[in-house]
Amino acid sequence: MDHLLHLDRTLDELDPPRWAPPAADATRLVRTVHELRCVPLGELGPADLRTLISQQVALPHVLALAVRLLIEEPLLDAYFYEGDLLLAAVSAPASAWALLPELGARLRKVITSLPETAVAGLPRGAAGELARFVGEPAPRL
């Protein structure tokens, strides 16, 4: 299934069951994730995708959108720092990536083409996370 064909639909529609409204005392993060499930996929921004990926929500759909952005701009600053969306994506469980083998391969190709200087500018441990995703031994720092 091409997860990008449904940009006009929401995660509540595409990833059943629909979630009940958050509890009255829910945290801001929980409320945000619930709200994002009601936004059409085509309207989700990089920060929204980073949040959903980090919370492991509807990964087949949000990873597909994230990879589309990361192919164009691998070190996209979604909200916190340069490369935060990429690091969220490569930190997603292997089981999610197993459902998206072609997209995983495309992201691996993007990662292996990154200059060492770009990877060196990422937060501590990022090079190891990228290497783990690509399947290479982690660099010694």
Protein backbone atom coordinates (compact mmCIF):
# COMPACT_ATOMS: atom_id res chain seq x y z
CA MET A 1 0.00 0.00 0.00
CA ASP A 2 1.33 3.43 -0.89
CA HIS A 3 1.00 5.44 2.28
CA LEU A 4 1.34 8.72 0.38
CA LEU A 5 -1.87 8.25 -1.61
CA HIS A 6 -4.03 9.38 1.28
CA LEU A 7 -2.73 12.88 1.97
CA ASP A 8 -6.28 14.19 2.36
CA ARG A 9 -7.10 11.69 5.12
CA THR A 10 -6.19 11.70 8.81
CA LEU A 11 -4.42 9.13 10.94
CA ASP A 12 -7.69 8.55 12.77
CA GLU A 13 -9.13 7.45 9.41
CA LEU A 14 -6.11 5.48 8.21
CA ASP A 15 -4.94 3.93 11.48
CA PRO A 16 -8.00 2.53 13.22
CA PRO A 17 -9.43 2.50 15.70
CA ARG A 18 -10.09 6.19 16.16
CA TRP A 19 -8.70 7.41 19.43
CA ALA A 20 -11.02 8.65 22.15
CA PRO A 21 -10.45 12.25 23.25
CA PRO A 22 -7.56 12.63 25.70
CA ALA A 23 -8.30 12.65 29.41
CA ALA A 24 -8.91 16.03 30.99
CA ASP A 25 -5.62 15.80 32.88
CA ALA A 26 -3.58 14.59 29.88
CA THR A 27 -0.16 16.10 29.31
CA ARG A 28 0.46 18.62 26.58
CA LEU A 29 2.29 15.96 24.55
CA VAL A 30 -0.63 13.55 24.77
CA ARG A 31 -3.08 16.28 23.75
CA THR A 32 -0.81 17.25 20.85
CA VAL A 33 -0.55 13.68 19.55
CA HIS A 34 -4.33 13.29 19.74
CA GLU A 35 -4.77 16.54 17.81
CA LEU A 36 -2.26 15.49 15.16
CA ARG A 37 -4.23 12.30 14.49
CA CYS A 38 -7.07 14.55 13.29
CA VAL A 39 -4.95 16.55 10.81
CA PRO A 40 -4.89 15.46 7.14
CA LEU A 41 -1.55 13.82 6.34
CA GLY A 42 -0.76 16.44 3.72
CA GLU A 43 -0.95 19.17 6.36
CA LEU A 44 1.46 17.57 8.83
CA GLY A 45 4.70 19.52 9.08
CA PRO A 46 8.20 18.27 9.92
CA ALA A 47 7.78 18.99 13.65
CA ASP A 48 4.47 17.10 13.65
CA LEU A 49 6.10 14.12 11.97
CA ARG A 50 8.99 14.17 14.44
CA THR A 51 6.53 14.16 17.34
CA LEU A 52 4.47 11.31 15.91
CA ILE A 53 7.53 9.22 15.07
CA SER A 54 9.05 9.80 18.49
CA GLN A 55 5.79 8.65 20.08
CA GLN A 56 5.60 5.68 17.66
CA VAL A 57 2.17 6.64 16.33
CA ALA A 58 0.99 5.23 12.98
CA LEU A 59 4.59 4.69 11.89
CA PRO A 60 3.89 3.25 8.42
CA HIS A 61 2.14 6.48 7.49
CA VAL A 62 4.35 9.05 9.21
CA LEU A 63 7.66 7.40 8.28
CA ALA A 64 6.62 7.47 4.63
CA LEU A 65 5.99 11.21 4.88
CA ALA A 66 9.23 11.80 6.78
CA VAL A 67 11.33 9.93 4.23
CA ARG A 68 9.83 12.02 1.47
CA LEU A 69 11.11 15.14 3.26
CA LEU A 70 14.45 13.62 4.26
CA ILE A 71 15.30 12.63 0.70
CA GLU A 72 15.14 16.32 -0.21
CA GLU A 73 16.75 17.66 2.97
CA PRO A 74 18.35 14.95 5.13
CA LEU A 75 19.40 17.27 7.94
CA LEU A 76 16.10 19.09 8.11
CA ASP A 77 15.62 20.96 11.40
CA ALA A 78 12.10 19.88 12.31
CA TYR A 79 11.96 21.63 15.66
CA PHE A 80 14.89 21.10 18.02
CA TYR A 81 18.08 20.94 15.96
CA GLU A 82 19.47 20.16 12.52
CA GLY A 83 18.88 16.47 11.79
CA ASP A 84 16.25 15.89 14.48
CA LEU A 85 13.70 14.42 12.05
CA LEU A 86 16.34 12.09 10.59
CA LEU A 87 17.38 10.88 14.04
CA ALA A 88 13.76 10.31 15.04
CA ALA A 89 13.20 8.30 11.86
CA VAL A 90 16.25 6.06 12.27
CA SER A 91 15.28 5.48 15.91
CA ALA A 92 11.91 4.01 14.91
CA PRO A 93 11.65 0.29 15.66
CA ALA A 94 12.99 -2.14 13.08
CA SER A 95 9.53 -3.71 12.95
CA ALA A 96 8.14 -0.47 11.50
CA TRP A 97 10.88 -0.29 8.89
CA ALA A 98 10.25 -3.94 7.98
CA LEU A 99 6.88 -2.80 6.63
CA LEU A 100 8.60 -0.17 4.45
CA PRO A 101 11.63 -1.89 2.91
CA GLU A 102 11.85 0.37 -0.16
CA LEU A 103 11.66 3.54 1.89
CA GLY A 104 14.21 2.18 4.33
CA ALA A 105 16.57 1.47 1.45
CA ARG A 106 16.09 4.98 0.08
CA LEU A 107 16.80 6.51 3.50
CA ARG A 108 19.92 4.34 3.90
CA LYS A 109 21.17 5.63 0.55
CA VAL A 110 20.60 9.23 1.70
CA ILE A 111 22.43 8.59 4.96
CA THR A 112 25.44 6.98 3.29
CA SER A 113 25.76 9.99 0.99
CA LEU A 114 26.00 12.46 3.89
CA PRO A 115 29.42 14.07 4.24
CA GLU A 116 31.31 13.16 7.42
CA THR A 117 31.40 16.82 8.40
CA ALA A 118 27.59 16.97 8.37
CA VAL A 119 27.30 13.89 10.57
CA ALA A 120 29.98 15.25 12.92
CA GLY A 121 27.83 18.34 13.48
CA LEU A 122 24.93 16.26 14.85
CA PRO A 123 24.42 15.64 18.57
CA ARG A 124 26.54 13.12 20.46
CA GLY A 125 25.61 9.55 19.57
CA ALA A 126 23.97 10.49 16.28
CA ALA A 127 26.71 8.96 14.14
CA GLY A 128 26.22 5.66 15.94
CA GLU A 129 22.45 5.77 15.44
CA LEU A 130 22.89 6.47 11.74
CA ALA A 131 25.47 3.70 11.40
CA ARG A 132 23.19 1.25 13.22
CA PHE A 133 20.33 2.08 10.85
CA VAL A 134 22.54 1.71 7.79
CA GLY A 135 23.98 -1.52 9.16
CA GLU A 136 27.57 -0.40 9.52
CA PRO A 137 29.74 -0.65 12.62
CA ALA A 138 29.36 2.40 14.83
CA PRO A 139 32.18 4.93 14.44
CA ARG A 140 34.61 5.32 17.31
CA LEU A 141 34.45 8.78 18.80
